[in-house]
Amino acid sequence: MIDFYLASVILFFAIVFGLIYKYRKSIEITNYILFMKRTRRFRRTIDKIAKTSPLFWKIVATIGVLVCLYAMVQGVMLISNTARHILSGGITEPAFRLILPSPVSTGAIGPGFLLIPFWFWIITIAAILVPHELSHGIIARAEGIRLKSVGLLLLGIFPGAFVEPDENKIKKLKLLPKLRIFSAGSAANFLIAGIVLLIAVNSVWPGVTSPGMQIVNVTEGGPAHTVGLRQGMIMTGVNGNDPTPSYNEYFNSEFLMTGKYIIDESVVIDPEKVIDIEVDGNHYYVSPDVSDKDVDIGVVISPVFKEGTYHQEQLLLLITMIWILSFAVGLVNILPLYPLDGGRMIHSILESVFKKRKAKKIVFAISYVILFIMIFDFVGPLILNI
């Protein structure tokens, strides 16, 4: 039987490589894996947007600089604290994951990687890269910097976009205009993440869920099973409280897998106390199992999704990926790691204080430290937990 999802992925790449062959004379190919198509149409579009109001874009970009400098500090603190928790044994999974496409409609997660359905991956990549590169181009033009080229690229199976401003002209700018250009991409990613998150919380989530919590699995012989709770039941109360989860609670992996949310909602401190779970007006009194590490009642739970909302649920998953990965890419990109945009910002700031040679040495020293921490955050848990 034909897997239509896989067939659509194969068709996509057949079309892409067909177009590459058709326009091969105007496509730059490097080492048989990097394909770049430069286009004037995109450059003209960027020019038109930038010329609408250069002053407006400069004001917006200045706000973006402040946001990104704050995010840079928070990002360094985050990866440093993560490394500390890895060393202490508090974190046992890699803090960074490779986001890769799955050729089928289901995803998978493992140590250091996350597979997401191909079409979700393609849409998410576009939602991240297009605003990122577009913002770099708009702010560069608003600052009077010529764009040498704009276009699309394909690195193996990874699509992308690029904007290539005149670097020699950028070097002659004052500090603030440089920072505006370098921070524009991450600022755009943060903005997209915020907008999409608001849409998810205030529009999509309320549209697909109903009050209560559904039990999707019960451990046989566990506390919940013993008192009569079964798969498919919908909990309408936990110790007299409404158990309906918020969007943020739903996407907490610990909440999804262990039912710890019920424990938290019950505010159970004394393990001898029971949890009062209400289902259809009936009350089930559950005494949780207590171990050295966790408190458990033996259920896996899920929000109550409305019937006929499958496509809306898929939309919810997609936009969740978009805002999370947009924010993550923006944060990593703005870290003080040269030649990422954050590293270029730090380099420009240091050049305004020190001589060029000393500034270069300092920025490379900072970059090596950040790179070491990031690598440790990725491989440290894998090494320490062998």
Protein backbone atom coordinates (compact mmCIF):
# COMPACT_ATOMS: atom_id res chain seq x y z
CA MET A 1 0.00 0.00 0.00
CA ILE A 2 1.32 3.43 -0.94
CA ASP A 3 2.26 5.76 1.89
CA PHE A 4 0.90 9.01 0.46
CA TYR A 5 2.82 11.13 2.94
CA LEU A 6 6.15 9.57 1.90
CA ALA A 7 5.10 9.85 -1.75
CA SER A 8 4.47 13.59 -1.30
CA VAL A 9 7.97 14.02 0.19
CA ILE A 10 9.54 12.17 -2.74
CA LEU A 11 7.49 14.26 -5.18
CA PHE A 12 8.66 17.45 -3.46
CA PHE A 13 12.33 16.60 -3.91
CA ALA A 14 11.70 15.42 -7.47
CA ILE A 15 10.24 18.84 -8.28
CA VAL A 16 13.06 20.67 -6.46
CA PHE A 17 15.83 18.80 -8.26
CA GLY A 18 13.91 19.10 -11.52
CA LEU A 19 13.93 22.88 -11.10
CA ILE A 20 17.62 22.81 -10.21
CA TYR A 21 18.33 20.94 -13.43
CA LYS A 22 16.13 23.27 -15.49
CA TYR A 23 17.80 26.42 -14.14
CA ARG A 24 21.25 24.88 -13.69
CA LYS A 25 22.94 27.62 -15.71
CA SER A 26 21.86 30.29 -13.21
CA ILE A 27 22.40 28.20 -10.07
CA GLU A 28 25.70 28.11 -8.21
CA ILE A 29 26.66 24.58 -7.14
CA THR A 30 29.35 23.95 -4.52
CA ASN A 31 30.66 20.45 -3.74
CA TYR A 32 27.48 18.94 -5.20
CA ILE A 33 25.50 19.65 -2.02
CA LEU A 34 25.11 23.44 -1.88
CA PHE A 35 22.81 25.01 -4.47
CA MET A 36 22.32 28.79 -4.53
CA LYS A 37 19.90 30.75 -6.70
CA ARG A 38 20.31 34.52 -6.64
CA THR A 39 17.32 36.65 -7.63
CA ARG A 40 16.80 40.34 -8.24
CA ARG A 41 13.07 40.11 -7.53
CA PHE A 42 13.60 39.56 -3.81
CA ARG A 43 16.12 42.36 -3.69
CA ARG A 44 13.65 44.79 -5.28
CA THR A 45 11.00 43.73 -2.77
CA ILE A 46 13.34 44.41 0.14
CA ASP A 47 14.21 47.82 -1.33
CA LYS A 48 10.54 48.78 -1.57
CA ILE A 49 9.84 47.77 2.02
CA ALA A 50 12.91 49.60 3.38
CA LYS A 51 12.13 52.78 1.45
CA THR A 52 8.60 53.07 2.88
CA SER A 53 10.07 54.69 6.00
CA PRO A 54 13.78 54.24 6.79
CA LEU A 55 13.36 56.16 10.07
CA PHE A 56 10.59 53.80 11.20
CA TRP A 57 12.73 50.75 10.49
CA LYS A 58 15.68 52.29 12.35
CA ILE A 59 13.51 52.91 15.42
CA VAL A 60 12.15 49.35 15.31
CA ALA A 61 15.67 47.98 14.83
CA THR A 62 16.97 49.98 17.81
CA ILE A 63 14.34 48.34 20.01
CA GLY A 64 15.47 45.03 18.50
CA VAL A 65 19.05 45.75 19.58
CA LEU A 66 17.96 46.21 23.21
CA VAL A 67 15.85 43.05 23.10
CA CYS A 68 18.70 41.04 21.62
CA LEU A 69 21.30 42.29 24.09
CA TYR A 70 18.97 41.25 26.92
CA ALA A 71 18.36 37.89 25.22
CA MET A 72 22.12 37.44 24.82
CA VAL A 73 22.71 37.82 28.56
CA GLN A 74 19.81 35.50 29.36
CA GLY A 75 21.03 32.97 26.80
CA VAL A 76 24.53 32.86 28.30
CA MET A 77 23.04 32.42 31.77
CA LEU A 78 20.77 29.65 30.47
CA ILE A 79 23.50 27.54 28.85
CA SER A 80 25.83 28.12 31.84
CA ASN A 81 23.19 27.06 34.37
CA THR A 82 22.34 24.07 32.18
CA ALA A 83 25.99 22.97 32.22
CA ARG A 84 26.05 23.32 36.00
CA HIS A 85 22.93 21.15 36.37
CA ILE A 86 24.41 18.55 34.02
CA LEU A 87 27.53 18.33 36.18
CA SER A 88 25.42 17.95 39.32
CA GLY A 89 23.29 15.23 37.73
CA GLY A 90 20.12 17.33 37.68
CA ILE A 91 19.88 17.13 33.87
CA THR A 92 20.37 13.77 32.16
CA GLU A 93 19.26 14.58 28.61
CA PRO A 94 21.08 16.73 26.02
CA ALA A 95 20.01 20.36 26.30
CA PHE A 96 20.33 20.80 22.53
CA ARG A 97 18.71 18.59 19.93
CA LEU A 98 19.22 18.26 16.20
CA ILE A 99 15.90 19.06 14.52
CA LEU A 100 15.56 16.73 11.55
CA PRO A 101 12.74 15.94 9.11
CA SER A 102 10.88 12.63 9.22
CA PRO A 103 9.73 11.29 5.83
CA VAL A 104 6.54 9.98 7.46
CA SER A 105 3.66 11.75 9.18
CA THR A 106 4.83 10.86 12.69
CA GLY A 107 7.73 12.26 14.66
CA ALA A 108 10.20 10.75 17.09
CA ILE A 109 12.44 11.96 19.88
CA GLY A 110 15.69 10.53 21.19
CA PRO A 111 18.96 11.52 22.89
CA GLY A 112 20.18 14.60 21.04
CA PHE A 113 17.67 14.57 18.17
CA LEU A 114 14.07 15.36 17.34
CA LEU A 115 12.34 14.13 14.20
CA ILE A 116 9.30 16.11 13.07
CA PRO A 117 7.01 15.37 10.10
CA PHE A 118 8.54 16.63 6.86
CA TRP A 119 5.87 19.17 5.92
CA PHE A 120 5.81 20.59 9.43
CA TRP A 121 9.59 20.87 9.17
CA ILE A 122 9.47 22.67 5.81
CA ILE A 123 6.85 25.17 6.97
CA THR A 124 8.73 25.79 10.23
CA ILE A 125 12.03 26.35 8.41
CA ALA A 126 10.33 28.90 6.14
CA ALA A 127 8.71 30.66 9.13
CA ILE A 128 12.15 30.99 10.74
CA LEU A 129 14.45 31.80 7.82
CA VAL A 130 12.31 34.10 5.69
CA PRO A 131 11.61 36.71 8.42
CA HIS A 132 15.20 36.37 9.67
CA GLU A 133 16.88 37.10 6.35
CA LEU A 134 14.22 39.58 5.25
CA SER A 135 14.81 41.63 8.40
CA HIS A 136 18.57 41.69 7.87
CA GLY A 137 17.98 42.95 4.33
CA ILE A 138 15.40 45.60 5.26
CA ILE A 139 17.51 47.11 8.04
CA ALA A 140 20.65 47.01 5.88
CA ARG A 141 18.86 48.96 3.15
CA ALA A 142 17.37 51.37 5.71
CA GLU A 143 20.96 52.07 6.79
CA GLY A 144 21.96 52.70 3.17
CA ILE A 145 23.89 49.45 2.69
CA ARG A 146 23.73 47.88 -0.75
CA LEU A 147 22.63 44.27 -0.99
CA LYS A 148 25.07 42.37 -3.19
CA SER A 149 22.68 39.46 -3.61
CA VAL A 150 19.49 37.86 -2.27
CA GLY A 151 18.25 34.37 -2.96
CA LEU A 152 17.40 30.81 -2.02
CA LEU A 153 19.65 27.88 -1.23
CA LEU A 154 19.55 24.15 -0.67
CA LEU A 155 22.22 22.47 1.46
CA GLY A 156 21.68 18.77 0.91
CA ILE A 157 18.05 18.39 1.97
CA PHE A 158 18.03 21.58 4.05
CA PRO A 159 16.37 24.56 2.33
CA GLY A 160 17.26 28.12 3.23
CA ALA A 161 17.46 31.75 2.17
CA PHE A 162 20.23 34.33 2.26
CA VAL A 163 20.78 38.07 2.11
CA GLU A 164 24.27 39.25 1.31
CA PRO A 165 24.89 42.92 2.21
CA ASP A 166 28.08 44.76 1.28
CA GLU A 167 30.33 43.86 4.24
CA ASN A 168 32.90 46.53 3.37
CA LYS A 169 30.21 49.21 3.70
CA ILE A 170 28.97 47.75 6.98
CA LYS A 171 32.49 48.00 8.46
CA LYS A 172 32.42 51.77 7.87
CA LEU A 173 29.17 52.28 9.78
CA LYS A 174 28.98 53.61 13.33
CA LEU A 175 28.30 51.20 16.17
CA LEU A 176 24.51 51.53 16.48
CA PRO A 177 23.74 50.99 12.77
CA LYS A 178 25.94 47.88 12.83
CA LEU A 179 24.10 46.53 15.84
CA ARG A 180 20.75 47.21 14.16
CA ILE A 181 21.73 45.15 11.13
CA PHE A 182 23.26 42.26 13.09
CA SER A 183 20.39 41.97 15.59
CA ALA A 184 17.59 42.27 13.03
CA GLY A 185 17.35 38.53 12.27
CA SER A 186 17.01 37.32 15.86
CA ALA A 187 14.68 40.20 16.72
CA ALA A 188 12.41 39.07 13.89
CA ASN A 189 12.49 35.48 15.18
CA PHE A 190 11.51 36.65 18.67
CA LEU A 191 8.68 38.74 17.22
CA ILE A 192 7.33 35.83 15.16
CA ALA A 193 7.57 33.54 18.19
CA GLY A 194 5.59 36.00 20.31
CA ILE A 195 2.85 36.54 17.71
CA VAL A 196 2.43 32.83 17.01
CA LEU A 197 2.37 32.02 20.75
CA LEU A 198 -0.42 34.55 21.29
CA ILE A 199 -2.40 32.97 18.45
CA ALA A 200 -1.91 29.50 19.95
CA VAL A 201 -2.94 30.53 23.47
CA ASN A 202 -5.86 32.83 22.68
CA SER A 203 -7.32 31.35 19.51
CA VAL A 204 -6.35 27.81 18.58
CA TRP A 205 -6.12 26.22 22.06
CA PRO A 206 -9.59 27.33 23.26
CA GLY A 207 -11.04 26.21 19.93
CA VAL A 208 -9.90 22.59 20.16
CA THR A 209 -10.27 21.74 23.85
CA SER A 210 -13.17 21.16 26.25
CA PRO A 211 -13.20 21.35 30.08
CA GLY A 212 -11.70 18.50 32.06
CA MET A 213 -8.91 15.97 31.60
CA GLN A 214 -9.12 12.63 29.82
CA ILE A 215 -7.45 9.46 31.08
CA VAL A 216 -5.71 7.88 28.08
CA ASN A 217 -3.94 5.06 29.92
CA VAL A 218 -4.14 3.44 33.36
CA THR A 219 -1.41 1.25 34.85
CA GLU A 220 -2.97 -2.07 35.76
CA GLY A 221 -2.71 -2.65 39.49
CA GLY A 222 -1.70 0.96 40.12
CA PRO A 223 -3.46 3.31 42.57
CA ALA A 224 -5.85 4.74 39.96
CA HIS A 225 -6.72 1.30 38.55
CA THR A 226 -7.35 -0.10 42.03
CA VAL A 227 -10.07 2.45 42.82
CA GLY A 228 -11.82 1.97 39.47
CA LEU A 229 -10.45 4.67 37.18
CA ARG A 230 -10.27 3.50 33.56
CA GLN A 231 -9.04 4.61 30.16
CA GLY A 232 -11.40 7.04 28.43
CA MET A 233 -12.85 8.56 31.59
CA ILE A 234 -12.94 12.36 31.79
CA MET A 235 -11.96 13.93 35.09
CA THR A 236 -14.02 17.01 35.91
CA GLY A 237 -12.53 17.72 39.33
CA VAL A 238 -9.37 17.09 41.35
CA ASN A 239 -9.77 17.82 45.07
CA GLY A 240 -12.61 20.14 44.15
CA ASN A 241 -10.54 22.06 41.59
CA ASP A 242 -11.05 22.31 37.83
CA PRO A 243 -8.31 20.14 36.24
CA THR A 244 -8.61 21.70 32.77
CA PRO A 245 -5.03 22.45 31.67
CA SER A 246 -3.75 25.62 30.08
CA TYR A 247 -1.84 25.58 26.82
CA ASN A 248 1.48 25.99 28.65
CA GLU A 249 0.73 23.09 30.98
CA TYR A 250 -0.19 20.84 28.07
CA PHE A 251 3.21 21.23 26.46
CA ASN A 252 5.10 20.30 29.61
CA SER A 253 6.46 16.84 28.75
CA GLU A 254 6.52 15.73 32.38
CA PHE A 255 2.86 16.63 32.69
CA LEU A 256 1.99 14.66 29.55
CA MET A 257 3.79 11.45 30.41
CA THR A 258 3.44 10.93 34.15
CA GLY A 259 0.25 12.54 35.28
CA LYS A 260 2.31 14.61 37.72
CA TYR A 261 -0.02 17.48 36.86
CA ILE A 262 -2.71 15.81 38.96
CA ILE A 263 -0.32 15.62 41.90
CA ASP A 264 0.56 19.30 41.49
CA GLU A 265 -3.09 20.30 41.19
CA SER A 266 -3.87 18.36 44.36
CA VAL A 267 -1.06 20.06 46.30
CA VAL A 268 -0.30 16.71 47.91
CA ILE A 269 2.52 17.17 50.38
CA ASP A 270 1.65 14.41 52.81
CA PRO A 271 1.76 11.09 50.85
CA GLU A 272 -0.79 9.63 53.26
CA LYS A 273 -3.43 12.04 51.99
CA VAL A 274 -5.70 10.86 49.19
CA ILE A 275 -6.57 12.60 45.94
CA ASP A 276 -10.26 13.15 45.27
CA ILE A 277 -10.86 12.67 41.52
CA GLU A 278 -14.35 13.39 40.21
CA VAL A 279 -15.71 11.65 37.09
CA ASP A 280 -19.35 12.14 36.00
CA GLY A 281 -20.33 13.17 39.51
CA ASN A 282 -18.67 10.13 41.09
CA HIS A 283 -15.70 10.50 43.41
CA TYR A 284 -12.63 8.24 43.35
CA TYR A 285 -10.19 8.53 46.25
CA VAL A 286 -6.68 7.66 45.13
CA SER A 287 -3.70 7.12 47.44
CA PRO A 288 -0.56 7.85 45.37
CA ASP A 289 2.50 5.62 45.25
CA VAL A 290 5.52 7.37 46.72
CA SER A 291 9.14 6.64 45.82
CA ASP A 292 12.37 8.44 46.57
CA LYS A 293 12.10 10.41 43.33
CA ASP A 294 8.44 10.78 42.44
CA VAL A 295 4.80 10.58 43.42
CA ASP A 296 2.57 8.68 41.01
CA ILE A 297 -1.04 7.49 40.68
CA GLY A 298 -0.50 5.36 37.57
CA VAL A 299 -2.20 7.30 34.77
CA VAL A 300 -1.35 9.05 31.52
CA ILE A 301 -3.62 11.98 30.89
CA SER A 302 -4.53 14.30 28.07
CA PRO A 303 -6.67 17.39 27.52
CA VAL A 304 -10.16 16.74 26.20
CA PHE A 305 -10.06 17.53 22.50
CA LYS A 306 -13.34 18.38 20.82
CA GLU A 307 -14.68 15.99 18.20
CA GLY A 308 -14.04 16.99 14.60
CA THR A 309 -11.05 19.19 15.43
CA TYR A 310 -8.29 16.93 14.08
CA HIS A 311 -7.02 19.51 11.59
CA GLN A 312 -7.10 22.23 14.24
CA GLU A 313 -5.09 19.95 16.55
CA GLN A 314 -2.51 19.50 13.79
CA LEU A 315 -2.45 23.27 13.36
CA LEU A 316 -1.84 23.60 17.09
CA LEU A 317 1.15 21.26 16.88
CA LEU A 318 2.52 23.12 13.86
CA ILE A 319 2.31 26.60 15.33
CA THR A 320 3.76 25.29 18.58
CA MET A 321 6.79 24.05 16.66
CA ILE A 322 7.03 27.39 14.88
CA TRP A 323 7.11 29.58 18.00
CA ILE A 324 9.36 27.27 20.01
CA LEU A 325 11.91 26.80 17.23
CA SER A 326 11.75 30.47 16.16
CA PHE A 327 12.59 31.50 19.71
CA ALA A 328 15.29 28.84 20.03
CA VAL A 329 16.98 29.79 16.74
CA GLY A 330 16.84 33.48 17.64
CA LEU A 331 18.37 32.80 21.06
CA VAL A 332 21.19 30.59 19.77
CA ASN A 333 21.93 33.01 16.93
CA ILE A 334 22.28 35.94 19.33
CA LEU A 335 24.75 34.20 21.67
CA PRO A 336 28.20 35.86 21.68
CA LEU A 337 29.62 33.24 19.35
CA TYR A 338 31.44 34.49 16.26
CA PRO A 339 30.51 34.43 13.36
CA LEU A 340 26.86 34.23 14.50
CA ASP A 341 25.04 37.56 14.70
CA GLY A 342 25.53 37.77 18.47
CA GLY A 343 29.26 37.30 18.01
CA ARG A 344 29.32 40.04 15.39
CA MET A 345 27.47 42.37 17.77
CA ILE A 346 30.04 41.75 20.52
CA HIS A 347 32.86 42.18 18.01
CA SER A 348 31.49 45.57 16.94
CA ILE A 349 31.09 46.71 20.55
CA LEU A 350 34.64 45.64 21.43
CA GLU A 351 36.06 47.36 18.34
CA SER A 352 34.51 50.61 19.58
CA VAL A 353 36.49 50.25 22.84
CA PHE A 354 39.72 48.41 21.95
CA LYS A 355 42.05 48.25 19.00
CA LYS A 356 40.96 45.87 16.24
CA ARG A 357 43.55 43.19 17.01
CA LYS A 358 42.73 43.13 20.73
CA ALA A 359 38.98 43.17 20.05
CA LYS A 360 39.39 40.19 17.72
CA LYS A 361 41.32 38.21 20.33
CA ILE A 362 38.70 38.91 23.00
CA VAL A 363 35.75 37.99 20.80
CA PHE A 364 37.39 34.74 19.75
CA ALA A 365 38.16 33.88 23.38
CA ILE A 366 34.52 34.49 24.30
CA SER A 367 33.39 32.45 21.30
CA TYR A 368 35.51 29.45 22.29
CA VAL A 369 34.11 29.51 25.83
CA ILE A 370 30.51 29.69 24.56
CA LEU A 371 31.15 26.96 22.02
CA PHE A 372 32.66 24.69 24.68
CA ILE A 373 29.65 25.19 26.97
CA MET A 374 27.21 24.47 24.13
CA ILE A 375 29.05 21.30 23.14
CA PHE A 376 29.09 20.17 26.76
CA ASP A 377 25.34 20.88 27.08
CA PHE A 378 24.85 18.58 24.09
CA VAL A 379 27.24 15.70 24.73
CA GLY A 380 27.76 16.03 28.49
CA PRO A 381 24.61 14.11 29.52
CA LEU A 382 25.40 11.38 26.98
CA ILE A 383 28.94 10.95 28.32
CA LEU A 384 28.14 11.23 32.04
CA ASN A 385 25.25 8.75 31.83
CA ILE A 386 26.99 5.99 29.88
